[in-house]
C-alpha atoms as a PDB file:
ATOM      1  CA  ILE A   1     -12.648  33.115  27.613  1.00  0.00           C
ATOM      2  CA  VAL A   2     -10.071  31.005  25.654  1.00  0.00           C
ATOM      3  CA  ASP A   3     -13.336  28.368  24.917  1.00  0.00           C
ATOM      4  CA  ASN A   4     -15.457  31.214  23.959  1.00  0.00           C
ATOM      5  CA  GLU A   5     -12.509  32.514  21.297  1.00  0.00           C
ATOM      6  CA  VAL A   6     -12.084  28.986  20.089  1.00  0.00           C
ATOM      7  CA  GLU A   7     -15.706  28.405  19.267  1.00  0.00           C
ATOM      8  CA  ASP A   8     -15.921  31.714  17.246  1.00  0.00           C
ATOM      9  CA  VAL A   9     -13.177  31.210  15.232  1.00  0.00           C
ATOM     10  CA  ILE A  10     -15.309  28.192  14.171  1.00  0.00           C
ATOM     11  CA  ARG A  11     -18.502  29.677  13.667  1.00  0.00           C
ATOM     12  CA  GLN A  12     -16.232  32.074  11.323  1.00  0.00           C
ATOM     13  CA  LEU A  13     -14.611  29.545   9.721  1.00  0.00           C
ATOM     14  CA  GLU A  14     -17.449  27.449   8.941  1.00  0.00           C
ATOM     15  CA  HIS A  15     -19.282  30.567   8.089  1.00  0.00           C
ATOM     16  CA  ARG A  16     -16.894  30.881   5.532  1.00  0.00           C
ATOM     17  CA  ILE A  17     -16.613  27.193   4.117  1.00  0.00           C
ATOM     18  CA  SER A  18     -20.054  27.480   3.896  1.00  0.00           C
ATOM     19  CA  ARG A  19     -20.341  30.376   1.861  1.00  0.00           C
ATOM     20  CA  LEU A  20     -17.215  28.836  -0.915  1.00  0.00           C
ATOM     21  CA  GLU A  21     -19.608  25.879  -1.003  1.00  0.00           C
ATOM     22  CA  GLY A  22     -22.115  28.027  -2.179  1.00  0.00           C
ATOM     23  CA  VAL A  23     -20.359  29.828  -4.362  1.00  0.00           C
ATOM     24  CA  LEU A  24     -18.552  26.470  -5.958  1.00  0.00           C
ATOM     25  CA  HIS A  25     -22.312  24.614  -5.626  1.00  0.00           C
ATOM     26  CA  LEU A  26     -23.566  27.339  -8.178  1.00  0.00           C
ATOM     27  CA  GLU A  27     -20.790  26.892 -10.512  1.00  0.00           C
ATOM     28  CA  LYS A  28     -21.104  23.691 -10.752  1.00  0.00           C
ATOM     29  CA  MET A  29     -17.817  23.275  -9.663  1.00  0.00           C
ATOM     30  CA  ILE A  30     -18.735  20.865  -6.303  1.00  0.00           C
ATOM     31  CA  THR A  31     -21.916  18.260  -5.448  1.00  0.00           C
ATOM     32  CA  GLU A  32     -22.053  16.225  -2.206  1.00  0.00           C
ATOM     33  CA  SER A  33     -23.244  12.096  -1.629  1.00  0.00           C
ATOM     34  CA  GLY A  34     -23.152  10.162   1.546  1.00  0.00           C
ATOM     35  CA  GLY A  35     -21.028  13.041   3.357  1.00  0.00           C
ATOM     36  CA  LYS A  36     -18.498  12.921  -0.072  1.00  0.00           C
ATOM     37  CA  ILE A  37     -17.487  15.851  -1.808  1.00  0.00           C
ATOM     38  CA  PHE A  38     -17.172  15.276  -5.280  1.00  0.00           C
ATOM     39  CA  ALA A  39     -15.358  18.069  -7.341  1.00  0.00           C
ATOM     40  CA  THR A  40     -14.431  19.320 -10.397  1.00  0.00           C
ATOM     41  CA  ASN A  41     -11.981  22.426 -12.300  1.00  0.00           C
ATOM     42  CA  GLY A  42     -14.364  21.558 -15.137  1.00  0.00           C
ATOM     43  CA  LYS A  43     -11.520  21.303 -17.707  1.00  0.00           C
ATOM     44  CA  ARG A  44     -10.376  18.850 -19.755  1.00  0.00           C
ATOM     45  CA  ALA A  45      -7.373  16.197 -18.910  1.00  0.00           C
ATOM     46  CA  ASP A  46      -5.884  12.929 -19.614  1.00  0.00           C
ATOM     47  CA  PHE A  47      -6.083  10.507 -16.704  1.00  0.00           C
ATOM     48  CA  HIS A  48      -2.951  10.859 -14.865  1.00  0.00           C
ATOM     49  CA  ALA A  49      -3.404  15.149 -15.402  1.00  0.00           C
ATOM     50  CA  THR A  50      -6.718  14.549 -13.833  1.00  0.00           C
ATOM     51  CA  MET A  51      -5.045  11.858 -10.895  1.00  0.00           C
ATOM     52  CA  LYS A  52      -1.918  14.429 -10.231  1.00  0.00           C
ATOM     53  CA  LYS A  53      -4.522  17.089  -9.530  1.00  0.00           C
ATOM     54  CA  CYS A  54      -6.925  14.904  -7.391  1.00  0.00           C
ATOM     55  CA  LYS A  55      -3.736  14.005  -5.276  1.00  0.00           C
ATOM     56  CA  GLU A  56      -2.395  17.583  -4.971  1.00  0.00           C
ATOM     57  CA  ALA A  57      -6.403  18.537  -4.051  1.00  0.00           C
ATOM     58  CA  GLY A  58      -5.907  16.277  -1.231  1.00  0.00           C
ATOM     59  CA  GLY A  59      -8.459  13.556  -2.736  1.00  0.00           C
ATOM     60  CA  SER A  60      -8.412  11.205  -5.331  1.00  0.00           C
ATOM     61  CA  ILE A  61      -9.999  10.240  -8.276  1.00  0.00           C
ATOM     62  CA  ALA A  62     -13.836   9.602  -7.891  1.00  0.00           C
ATOM     63  CA  THR A  63     -14.763   6.035  -7.800  1.00  0.00           C
ATOM     64  CA  PRO A  64     -18.627   5.457  -7.263  1.00  0.00           C
ATOM     65  CA  ARG A  65     -19.230   2.741  -5.030  1.00  0.00           C
ATOM     66  CA  ASN A  66     -23.261   3.291  -4.875  1.00  0.00           C
ATOM     67  CA  PRO A  67     -26.202   5.021  -6.637  1.00  0.00           C
ATOM     68  CA  GLY A  68     -25.556   8.253  -4.914  1.00  0.00           C
ATOM     69  CA  GLU A  69     -22.228   8.771  -5.980  1.00  0.00           C
ATOM     70  CA  ASN A  70     -22.653   7.344  -9.176  1.00  0.00           C
ATOM     71  CA  ASP A  71     -25.598  10.269 -10.072  1.00  0.00           C
ATOM     72  CA  ALA A  72     -22.893  12.973  -7.759  1.00  0.00           C
ATOM     73  CA  ILE A  73     -20.299  11.532 -10.813  1.00  0.00           C
ATOM     74  CA  LEU A  74     -23.279  11.813 -13.699  1.00  0.00           C
ATOM     75  CA  TYR A  75     -23.851  15.448 -12.869  1.00  0.00           C
ATOM     76  CA  PHE A  76     -20.764  16.837 -13.987  1.00  0.00           C
ATOM     77  CA  VAL A  77     -20.449  14.572 -17.140  1.00  0.00           C
ATOM     78  CA  LYS A  78     -23.952  16.583 -17.784  1.00  0.00           C
ATOM     79  CA  SER A  79     -23.355  19.647 -16.470  1.00  0.00           C
ATOM     80  CA  PHE A  80     -19.903  20.163 -19.076  1.00  0.00           C
ATOM     81  CA  ASN A  81     -21.134  17.521 -21.628  1.00  0.00           C
ATOM     82  CA  THR A  82     -18.316  15.629 -20.917  1.00  0.00           C
ATOM     83  CA  TYR A  83     -16.921  12.639 -19.891  1.00  0.00           C
ATOM     84  CA  ALA A  84     -15.517  11.830 -16.483  1.00  0.00           C
ATOM     85  CA  TYR A  85     -12.266   9.950 -15.576  1.00  0.00           C
ATOM     86  CA  LEU A  86     -12.697   7.197 -12.948  1.00  0.00           C
ATOM     87  CA  GLY A  87     -10.467   5.515 -10.448  1.00  0.00           C
ATOM     88  CA  ILE A  88     -10.980   1.809 -11.792  1.00  0.00           C
ATOM     89  CA  LYS A  89      -9.118  -0.258 -14.332  1.00  0.00           C
ATOM     90  CA  GLU A  90      -9.472  -3.338 -16.244  1.00  0.00           C
ATOM     91  CA  SER A  91      -7.822  -6.522 -14.862  1.00  0.00           C
ATOM     92  CA  LEU A  92      -6.059  -9.351 -15.721  1.00  0.00           C
ATOM     93  CA  ILE A  93      -9.035 -11.136 -16.555  1.00  0.00           C
ATOM     94  CA  PRO A  94     -10.372  -9.205 -20.246  1.00  0.00           C
ATOM     95  CA  SER A  95     -13.964  -6.835 -19.354  1.00  0.00           C
ATOM     96  CA  LYS A  96     -13.123  -7.467 -15.613  1.00  0.00           C
ATOM     97  CA  PHE A  97     -12.416  -4.142 -13.656  1.00  0.00           C
ATOM     98  CA  GLN A  98     -11.233  -3.479 -10.789  1.00  0.00           C
ATOM     99  CA  PHE A  99     -10.134  -0.547  -7.791  1.00  0.00           C
ATOM    100  CA  LEU A 100      -7.156   0.740  -8.944  1.00  0.00           C
ATOM    101  CA  ASP A 101      -5.655  -1.129  -6.093  1.00  0.00           C
ATOM    102  CA  GLY A 102      -6.673  -3.993  -7.500  1.00  0.00           C
ATOM    103  CA  THR A 103      -9.429  -4.749  -5.417  1.00  0.00           C
ATOM    104  CA  GLN A 104     -12.511  -5.837  -6.284  1.00  0.00           C
ATOM    105  CA  LEU A 105     -15.602  -3.698  -7.604  1.00  0.00           C
ATOM    106  CA  THR A 106     -18.521  -3.926  -5.221  1.00  0.00           C
ATOM    107  CA  TYR A 107     -20.768  -1.485  -7.636  1.00  0.00           C
ATOM    108  CA  THR A 108     -21.528  -1.180 -10.778  1.00  0.00           C
ATOM    109  CA  ASN A 109     -23.892   0.275 -13.467  1.00  0.00           C
ATOM    110  CA  TRP A 110     -22.755  -0.403 -16.576  1.00  0.00           C
ATOM    111  CA  TYR A 111     -24.389   0.548 -20.104  1.00  0.00           C
ATOM    112  CA  LEU A 112     -26.254  -2.381 -21.585  1.00  0.00           C
ATOM    113  CA  HIS A 113     -22.716  -4.119 -23.484  1.00  0.00           C
ATOM    114  CA  GLU A 114     -20.608  -2.756 -21.572  1.00  0.00           C
ATOM    115  CA  PRO A 115     -17.339  -3.189 -20.347  1.00  0.00           C
ATOM    116  CA  SER A 116     -16.254  -3.544 -23.537  1.00  0.00           C
ATOM    117  CA  GLY A 117     -12.974  -3.575 -23.183  1.00  0.00           C
ATOM    118  CA  LYS A 118     -12.362  -1.213 -25.928  1.00  0.00           C
ATOM    119  CA  GLY A 119     -11.228   1.533 -24.300  1.00  0.00           C
ATOM    120  CA  GLU A 120     -14.138   3.877 -23.404  1.00  0.00           C
ATOM    121  CA  GLU A 121     -16.422   1.848 -21.250  1.00  0.00           C
END
């Protein structure tokens, strides 16, 4: 009987999660790529406030590692007609970028003549 009760609770939770995800998709607050969920609250903030909010939500600032993840981030840029902060930073070598933890980027998709090192890459 316990197993059936656990299965019922799991089904109920899965149903609730599915409904919540549906609402968030409709409101353009989440999108997915490769099993990862990308989310936004749609509000403008500086880089450090964005990092803090991501951490509070149990995630991290978006860092595109392939074209699908890049498209997921662009979805928000286009939906909210704004920019997006990424989890990368300029390295000690000018015009070279790396992940926030200092490891090398494995995927990039810069516009022509970018990154220029002018702070708006």
